[in-house]
């Protein structure tokens, strides 16, 4: 926590500021979002070439299609 306090002092951010409190409150969501976007990027770039070596191509196509369908259902931007 000492590092966080040093950053706040260096950037002259008031820890009681409402905007800072909101920013801090949504930290888990922002971490999840970053990991999700990274995972989605890996999924779309690596699933087809690597999956093709392990599974038949039609199964890989179905998996990618299901992933797209989940994004469509839950309205997740790609």
Protein backbone atom coordinates (compact mmCIF):
# COMPACT_ATOMS: atom_id res chain seq x y z
CA UNK A 1 0.00 0.00 0.00
CA UNK A 2 2.99 2.27 0.48
CA UNK A 3 3.61 2.37 -3.27
CA UNK A 4 0.01 3.47 -3.87
CA UNK A 5 0.39 6.29 -1.34
CA UNK A 6 3.59 7.48 -3.04
CA UNK A 7 1.83 7.51 -6.41
CA UNK A 8 -1.05 9.53 -4.96
CA UNK A 9 1.37 12.07 -3.48
CA UNK A 10 3.38 12.27 -6.70
CA UNK A 11 0.25 12.83 -8.81
CA UNK A 12 -1.30 15.11 -6.17
CA UNK A 13 -4.51 13.09 -6.01
CA UNK A 14 -6.75 13.53 -2.99
CA UNK A 15 -7.75 10.04 -1.73
CA UNK A 16 -11.10 11.47 -0.59
CA UNK A 17 -11.97 12.71 -4.08
CA UNK A 18 -15.24 11.19 -5.34
CA UNK A 19 -13.85 10.45 -8.80
CA UNK A 20 -10.84 8.68 -7.28
CA UNK A 21 -13.13 6.63 -5.03
CA UNK A 22 -15.17 5.50 -8.06
CA UNK A 23 -12.00 4.71 -9.99
CA UNK A 24 -10.73 2.63 -7.07
CA UNK A 25 -14.11 0.90 -6.53
CA UNK A 26 -14.22 -0.40 -10.12
CA UNK A 27 -10.64 -1.70 -10.12
CA UNK A 28 -11.71 -5.40 -10.08
CA UNK A 29 -13.99 -4.80 -13.06
CA UNK A 30 -11.24 -3.04 -15.01
CA UNK A 31 -8.82 -5.91 -14.27
CA UNK A 32 -11.44 -8.45 -15.38
CA UNK A 33 -12.14 -6.44 -18.53
CA UNK A 34 -8.45 -6.27 -19.44
CA UNK A 35 -8.02 -10.03 -18.91
CA UNK A 36 -11.20 -10.75 -20.88
CA UNK A 37 -10.08 -8.67 -23.85
CA UNK A 38 -6.61 -10.27 -23.77
CA UNK A 39 -8.18 -13.74 -23.61
CA UNK A 40 -10.58 -12.93 -26.43
CA UNK A 41 -7.68 -11.75 -28.59
CA UNK A 42 -5.79 -14.97 -27.94
CA UNK A 43 -8.94 -16.97 -28.58
CA UNK A 44 -9.54 -15.52 -32.03
CA UNK A 45 -5.90 -15.48 -33.14
CA UNK A 46 -4.74 -18.82 -31.76
CA UNK A 47 -7.78 -21.09 -31.49
CA UNK A 48 -8.06 -21.91 -35.18
CA UNK A 49 -4.38 -22.69 -35.94
CA UNK A 50 -3.70 -24.52 -32.67
CA UNK A 51 -7.09 -26.20 -32.52
CA UNK A 52 -6.74 -27.45 -36.05
CA UNK A 53 -3.74 -29.52 -34.97
CA UNK A 54 -5.63 -31.04 -32.02
CA UNK A 55 -9.24 -31.24 -33.25
CA UNK A 56 -10.94 -31.55 -36.62
CA UNK A 57 -11.47 -28.25 -38.38
CA UNK A 58 -15.27 -28.46 -38.17
CA UNK A 59 -15.14 -28.69 -34.35
CA UNK A 60 -12.87 -25.63 -34.22
CA UNK A 61 -15.38 -23.78 -36.41
CA UNK A 62 -18.24 -24.74 -34.10
CA UNK A 63 -16.29 -23.54 -31.03
CA UNK A 64 -15.49 -20.19 -32.65
CA UNK A 65 -19.13 -19.86 -33.71
CA UNK A 66 -20.32 -20.60 -30.17
CA UNK A 67 -17.94 -17.97 -28.82
CA UNK A 68 -19.38 -15.44 -31.26
CA UNK A 69 -22.92 -16.46 -30.30
CA UNK A 70 -22.16 -15.91 -26.60
CA UNK A 71 -20.83 -12.44 -27.45
CA UNK A 72 -23.99 -11.73 -29.44
CA UNK A 73 -26.31 -12.94 -26.68
CA UNK A 74 -24.59 -11.00 -23.91
CA UNK A 75 -23.91 -7.98 -26.13
CA UNK A 76 -20.15 -8.09 -25.55
CA UNK A 77 -18.26 -5.82 -27.95
CA UNK A 78 -15.58 -7.70 -29.87
